[in-house]
């Protein structure tokens, strides 16, 4: 579905005439933006506006499944197991996690989406508007080029031309960032000798490099020591958990969040390396109620 609706699409959604849709926009009753002489209506905000306008009895929402989706992170994955939270995982990238959060097929999603001036918040608002979702910082971490054992002649993106590289799936925030870095260095995926299959988690990427299936991949510095890999740091990023607020106070999530504040979590982070927990627990967004 499009992120922004045209006037006709808004009219179809509301089952009104286009003239009435124009009137709603002119009066400021419906969320809209004006760009290049056109009226556009942010779908997520329109849905939130409709929900806020409802009357009558409130019907209880179905329970959210106890699933954490989104990006794979080895430290967070360990914490999910060790905390005894009982939360299951479905890792298929930050953007897939946002979709599952929006569809309410997950109660939380791990995100590390690079944005101008920050991380994750713009993408979260684009997907869910001001829905009651909390954005909770887990860690800041290092990302860059992981190199297979013995590879020493790659020091940056420009050196990847013609080299055997393992990629991530399209729904992974790291893959979108990697594609942007290739473009900034005058390269495309066609300039790489990319493996035919992608790594669906950070750990799969590191294992493939450790086994010599590829020479380089865009991954986490935290995994370099564990898999005897070289590492060229290129980016710092923030890992957040986006959590539906009604799940935030349930026992499974409370167990997980208490555990990530523990000394065991801090010690495990130090063992991995490449993590900074200085701002752990910071709330970067708390969506409107309703």
Protein backbone atom coordinates (compact mmCIF):
# COMPACT_ATOMS: atom_id res chain seq x y z
CA UNK A 1 0.00 0.00 0.00
CA UNK A 2 1.29 3.53 -0.76
CA UNK A 3 2.73 5.54 2.10
CA UNK A 4 0.90 8.67 0.91
CA UNK A 5 -2.64 8.82 -0.49
CA UNK A 6 -3.79 11.07 -3.31
CA UNK A 7 -7.01 13.04 -2.91
CA UNK A 8 -8.87 10.41 -4.92
CA UNK A 9 -7.44 7.58 -2.81
CA UNK A 10 -8.41 9.43 0.37
CA UNK A 11 -11.93 9.94 -0.99
CA UNK A 12 -12.17 6.23 -1.83
CA UNK A 13 -10.92 5.27 1.65
CA UNK A 14 -13.44 7.55 3.37
CA UNK A 15 -16.19 6.80 0.82
CA UNK A 16 -16.78 10.48 0.11
CA UNK A 17 -16.48 12.66 -2.97
CA UNK A 18 -13.21 14.27 -3.98
CA UNK A 19 -14.68 17.73 -3.35
CA UNK A 20 -15.39 16.77 0.25
CA UNK A 21 -11.82 15.41 0.59
CA UNK A 22 -10.48 18.79 -0.60
CA UNK A 23 -12.71 20.54 1.96
CA UNK A 24 -11.35 18.34 4.78
CA UNK A 25 -7.80 19.24 3.78
CA UNK A 26 -8.57 22.97 3.43
CA UNK A 27 -10.14 23.09 6.88
CA UNK A 28 -7.22 21.24 8.45
CA UNK A 29 -9.44 18.39 9.67
CA UNK A 30 -7.45 15.59 8.04
CA UNK A 31 -3.62 15.17 8.17
CA UNK A 32 -2.06 16.25 4.88
CA UNK A 33 1.07 17.66 3.29
CA UNK A 34 1.48 19.92 0.30
CA UNK A 35 4.33 19.03 -2.03
CA UNK A 36 5.01 20.27 -5.56
CA UNK A 37 1.54 21.76 -5.78
CA UNK A 38 -0.20 18.52 -4.80
CA UNK A 39 -2.10 17.44 -1.72
CA UNK A 40 -0.85 14.18 -0.21
CA UNK A 41 -2.22 12.38 2.83
CA UNK A 42 0.06 10.22 5.07
CA UNK A 43 -1.75 6.89 5.26
CA UNK A 44 -0.60 6.02 8.80
CA UNK A 45 -1.68 9.42 10.13
CA UNK A 46 -5.05 9.23 8.39
CA UNK A 47 -5.70 5.85 10.00
CA UNK A 48 -4.66 7.26 13.39
CA UNK A 49 -7.00 10.24 12.80
CA UNK A 50 -9.88 7.90 12.03
CA UNK A 51 -9.18 5.82 15.14
CA UNK A 52 -9.09 8.95 17.29
CA UNK A 53 -12.47 10.01 15.90
CA UNK A 54 -14.30 6.80 16.77
CA UNK A 55 -17.16 6.73 19.26
CA UNK A 56 -19.14 4.05 21.03
CA UNK A 57 -17.80 1.17 23.10
CA UNK A 58 -14.14 0.26 22.79
CA UNK A 59 -13.60 -3.32 21.72
CA UNK A 60 -10.61 -5.00 23.32
CA UNK A 61 -7.76 -5.61 20.89
CA UNK A 62 -6.63 -9.21 20.44
CA UNK A 63 -3.47 -10.13 22.36
CA UNK A 64 -0.15 -9.46 20.67
CA UNK A 65 1.89 -12.59 19.89
CA UNK A 66 4.96 -12.97 22.14
CA UNK A 67 7.39 -12.39 19.25
CA UNK A 68 10.34 -10.04 18.84
CA UNK A 69 10.92 -9.42 15.13
CA UNK A 70 13.26 -7.18 13.17
CA UNK A 71 17.03 -7.16 13.04
CA UNK A 72 19.22 -9.91 14.44
CA UNK A 73 21.68 -8.80 17.09
CA UNK A 74 23.84 -11.41 18.84
CA UNK A 75 23.81 -9.64 22.23
CA UNK A 76 20.04 -9.08 22.24
CA UNK A 77 19.44 -12.61 20.98
CA UNK A 78 21.49 -13.96 23.90
CA UNK A 79 19.51 -11.79 26.32
CA UNK A 80 16.19 -13.06 24.98
CA UNK A 81 17.28 -16.62 25.78
CA UNK A 82 19.00 -15.97 29.10
CA UNK A 83 16.32 -13.69 30.55
CA UNK A 84 13.70 -16.44 30.64
CA UNK A 85 11.24 -14.03 29.06
CA UNK A 86 9.61 -16.72 26.93
CA UNK A 87 9.60 -14.34 23.95
CA UNK A 88 10.11 -15.98 20.56
CA UNK A 89 12.07 -14.38 17.70
CA UNK A 90 11.60 -13.86 13.98
CA UNK A 91 14.61 -12.14 12.44
CA UNK A 92 14.26 -10.88 8.89
CA UNK A 93 15.61 -7.34 9.03
CA UNK A 94 14.53 -4.00 10.49
CA UNK A 95 12.03 -3.18 7.74
CA UNK A 96 10.35 -6.57 8.00
CA UNK A 97 10.15 -5.98 11.75
CA UNK A 98 8.39 -2.66 11.21
CA UNK A 99 5.84 -4.37 8.96
CA UNK A 100 5.20 -7.07 11.56
CA UNK A 101 4.86 -4.44 14.27
CA UNK A 102 2.37 -2.55 12.12
CA UNK A 103 0.40 -5.73 11.36
CA UNK A 104 0.48 -6.65 15.06
CA UNK A 105 2.10 -10.00 14.30
CA UNK A 106 4.93 -9.05 16.68
CA UNK A 107 4.92 -7.12 19.92
CA UNK A 108 8.39 -5.66 19.42
CA UNK A 109 10.97 -5.16 16.68
CA UNK A 110 14.73 -4.59 16.87
CA UNK A 111 15.73 -1.67 14.61
CA UNK A 112 18.96 0.01 13.48
CA UNK A 113 17.84 2.23 10.60
CA UNK A 114 20.25 5.05 9.76
CA UNK A 115 18.49 8.38 9.18
CA UNK A 116 19.54 12.00 8.76
CA UNK A 117 20.26 13.21 12.27
CA UNK A 118 19.45 9.97 14.07
CA UNK A 119 18.12 6.45 13.96
CA UNK A 120 14.81 4.58 13.62
CA UNK A 121 12.33 7.32 14.57
CA UNK A 122 11.46 8.53 11.08
CA UNK A 123 10.92 5.00 9.77
CA UNK A 124 8.82 4.13 12.83
CA UNK A 125 6.61 7.19 12.34
CA UNK A 126 6.29 6.50 8.61
CA UNK A 127 5.08 2.96 9.36
CA UNK A 128 2.88 3.58 12.41
CA UNK A 129 2.35 7.32 12.75
CA UNK A 130 1.92 8.23 16.42
CA UNK A 131 0.68 4.80 17.45
CA UNK A 132 1.36 3.86 21.12
CA UNK A 133 4.81 2.40 20.53
CA UNK A 134 7.86 2.92 22.74
CA UNK A 135 11.34 3.22 21.20
CA UNK A 136 13.80 1.84 23.78
CA UNK A 137 17.56 2.07 23.27
CA UNK A 138 19.46 -1.18 23.78
CA UNK A 139 22.98 -0.25 22.68
CA UNK A 140 25.15 1.66 20.30
CA UNK A 141 27.41 -0.55 18.25
CA UNK A 142 30.06 -0.60 15.51
CA UNK A 143 29.38 -1.69 11.95
CA UNK A 144 31.79 -2.03 9.06
CA UNK A 145 33.46 -4.44 6.68
CA UNK A 146 34.09 -7.89 8.15
CA UNK A 147 36.91 -9.70 6.34
CA UNK A 148 37.56 -13.42 5.99
CA UNK A 149 40.70 -14.76 7.71
CA UNK A 150 43.78 -13.91 5.66
CA UNK A 151 42.18 -11.03 3.73
CA UNK A 152 44.20 -7.89 4.39
CA UNK A 153 43.94 -5.80 1.20
CA UNK A 154 40.42 -4.42 1.78
CA UNK A 155 40.24 -1.22 3.83
CA UNK A 156 37.07 0.40 2.53
CA UNK A 157 34.11 0.18 0.17
CA UNK A 158 36.15 1.23 -2.86
CA UNK A 159 38.27 -1.93 -2.46
CA UNK A 160 35.25 -4.22 -2.93
CA UNK A 161 35.17 -4.01 -6.73
CA UNK A 162 35.51 -7.51 -8.16
CA UNK A 163 35.74 -9.10 -4.71
CA UNK A 164 33.64 -11.99 -3.41
CA UNK A 165 31.07 -10.39 -1.10
CA UNK A 166 28.15 -11.80 0.88
CA UNK A 167 25.06 -9.57 1.00
CA UNK A 168 22.06 -9.33 3.34
CA UNK A 169 18.37 -9.58 2.43
CA UNK A 170 16.49 -6.57 1.05
CA UNK A 171 14.53 -6.05 4.29
CA UNK A 172 17.76 -5.61 6.29
CA UNK A 173 18.64 -2.02 7.20
CA UNK A 174 22.33 -2.90 6.82
CA UNK A 175 21.81 -3.91 3.18
CA UNK A 176 20.15 -0.60 2.35
CA UNK A 177 22.98 1.26 4.06
CA UNK A 178 25.53 -0.87 2.21
CA UNK A 179 23.91 -0.13 -1.16
CA UNK A 180 24.07 3.57 -0.35
CA UNK A 181 27.77 3.30 0.47
CA UNK A 182 28.44 1.48 -2.80
CA UNK A 183 26.72 4.27 -4.71
CA UNK A 184 28.70 6.91 -2.81
CA UNK A 185 31.90 5.17 -3.97
CA UNK A 186 30.77 4.88 -7.60
CA UNK A 187 29.90 1.19 -7.39
CA UNK A 188 26.81 -1.00 -7.70
CA UNK A 189 26.15 -4.61 -6.77
CA UNK A 190 27.03 -5.50 -10.37
CA UNK A 191 30.64 -4.48 -9.62
CA UNK A 192 30.88 -7.16 -6.91
CA UNK A 193 31.30 -10.90 -7.15
CA UNK A 194 28.31 -11.38 -4.84
CA UNK A 195 27.32 -14.81 -3.53
CA UNK A 196 24.03 -16.08 -5.00
CA UNK A 197 22.47 -16.45 -1.55
CA UNK A 198 22.29 -13.78 1.14
CA UNK A 199 22.91 -14.02 4.88
CA UNK A 200 19.66 -13.56 6.78
CA UNK A 201 21.29 -12.76 10.14
CA UNK A 202 24.46 -11.07 11.32
CA UNK A 203 25.77 -14.41 12.54
CA UNK A 204 25.13 -16.16 9.21
CA UNK A 205 27.22 -13.48 7.52
CA UNK A 206 30.09 -13.94 9.98
CA UNK A 207 30.00 -17.74 9.67
CA UNK A 208 30.11 -17.55 5.87
CA UNK A 209 33.20 -15.36 6.07
CA UNK A 210 34.83 -17.60 8.68
CA UNK A 211 34.26 -20.59 6.35
CA UNK A 212 35.86 -18.77 3.40
CA UNK A 213 32.70 -18.59 1.29
CA UNK A 214 33.25 -14.87 0.76
CA UNK A 215 36.03 -12.35 1.33
CA UNK A 216 33.99 -9.53 2.85
CA UNK A 217 30.58 -8.57 4.20
CA UNK A 218 28.98 -5.57 5.89
CA UNK A 219 28.52 -6.67 9.48
CA UNK A 220 28.96 -6.09 13.19
CA UNK A 221 32.32 -5.53 14.81
CA UNK A 222 31.07 -7.52 17.81
CA UNK A 223 31.38 -10.73 15.78
CA UNK A 224 34.92 -10.17 14.48
CA UNK A 225 36.75 -11.67 17.45
CA UNK A 226 34.31 -14.52 17.89
CA UNK A 227 34.83 -15.72 14.30
CA UNK A 228 38.49 -14.71 13.79
CA UNK A 229 37.62 -12.04 11.22
CA UNK A 230 39.25 -8.80 10.22
CA UNK A 231 37.23 -5.65 10.78
CA UNK A 232 37.26 -2.19 9.18
CA UNK A 233 34.85 0.01 11.16
CA UNK A 234 32.82 2.44 9.03
CA UNK A 235 29.69 3.33 11.00
CA UNK A 236 28.35 3.74 14.53
CA UNK A 237 24.66 2.94 14.91
CA UNK A 238 21.96 2.70 17.54
CA UNK A 239 20.03 -0.50 18.22
CA UNK A 240 16.52 0.12 19.55
CA UNK A 241 13.57 -2.03 20.49
CA UNK A 242 10.27 -0.65 19.20
CA UNK A 243 7.63 -2.09 21.56
CA UNK A 244 3.86 -1.80 21.57
CA UNK A 245 3.13 0.01 24.83
CA UNK A 246 0.51 -2.51 25.93
CA UNK A 247 3.20 -5.22 25.69
CA UNK A 248 5.84 -3.03 27.37
CA UNK A 249 4.30 -3.64 30.80
CA UNK A 250 3.56 -7.35 30.35
CA UNK A 251 5.67 -9.84 32.29
CA UNK A 252 7.65 -11.27 29.32
CA UNK A 253 8.86 -7.84 28.19
CA UNK A 254 9.47 -6.66 31.76
CA UNK A 255 11.69 -9.72 32.29
CA UNK A 256 13.71 -8.94 29.16
CA UNK A 257 14.11 -5.24 29.96
CA UNK A 258 15.13 -5.99 33.54
CA UNK A 259 17.73 -8.44 32.27
CA UNK A 260 19.30 -5.99 29.81
CA UNK A 261 19.85 -3.65 32.76
CA UNK A 262 21.69 -6.39 34.69
CA UNK A 263 25.40 -6.87 35.35
CA UNK A 264 25.31 -10.12 33.36
CA UNK A 265 24.18 -8.24 30.27
CA UNK A 266 26.90 -5.62 30.71
CA UNK A 267 29.54 -8.34 31.18
CA UNK A 268 28.40 -10.19 28.06
CA UNK A 269 28.49 -6.94 26.09
CA UNK A 270 32.11 -6.41 27.17
CA UNK A 271 32.98 -9.97 26.10
CA UNK A 272 31.61 -9.35 22.60
CA UNK A 273 33.18 -5.90 22.24
CA UNK A 274 31.89 -3.31 19.79
CA UNK A 275 28.96 -2.25 22.03
CA UNK A 276 28.41 0.93 24.05
CA UNK A 277 25.70 0.71 26.74
CA UNK A 278 26.07 4.29 27.99
CA UNK A 279 22.52 5.24 27.00
CA UNK A 280 20.89 1.85 27.55
CA UNK A 281 17.22 2.30 28.52
CA UNK A 282 16.80 5.76 26.99
CA UNK A 283 13.28 6.24 25.60
CA UNK A 284 13.61 7.98 22.24
CA UNK A 285 9.89 7.97 21.44
CA UNK A 286 6.65 7.28 23.27
CA UNK A 287 3.72 7.32 20.84
CA UNK A 288 0.40 8.92 21.63
CA UNK A 289 -2.18 6.88 23.52
CA UNK A 290 -5.24 5.49 21.83
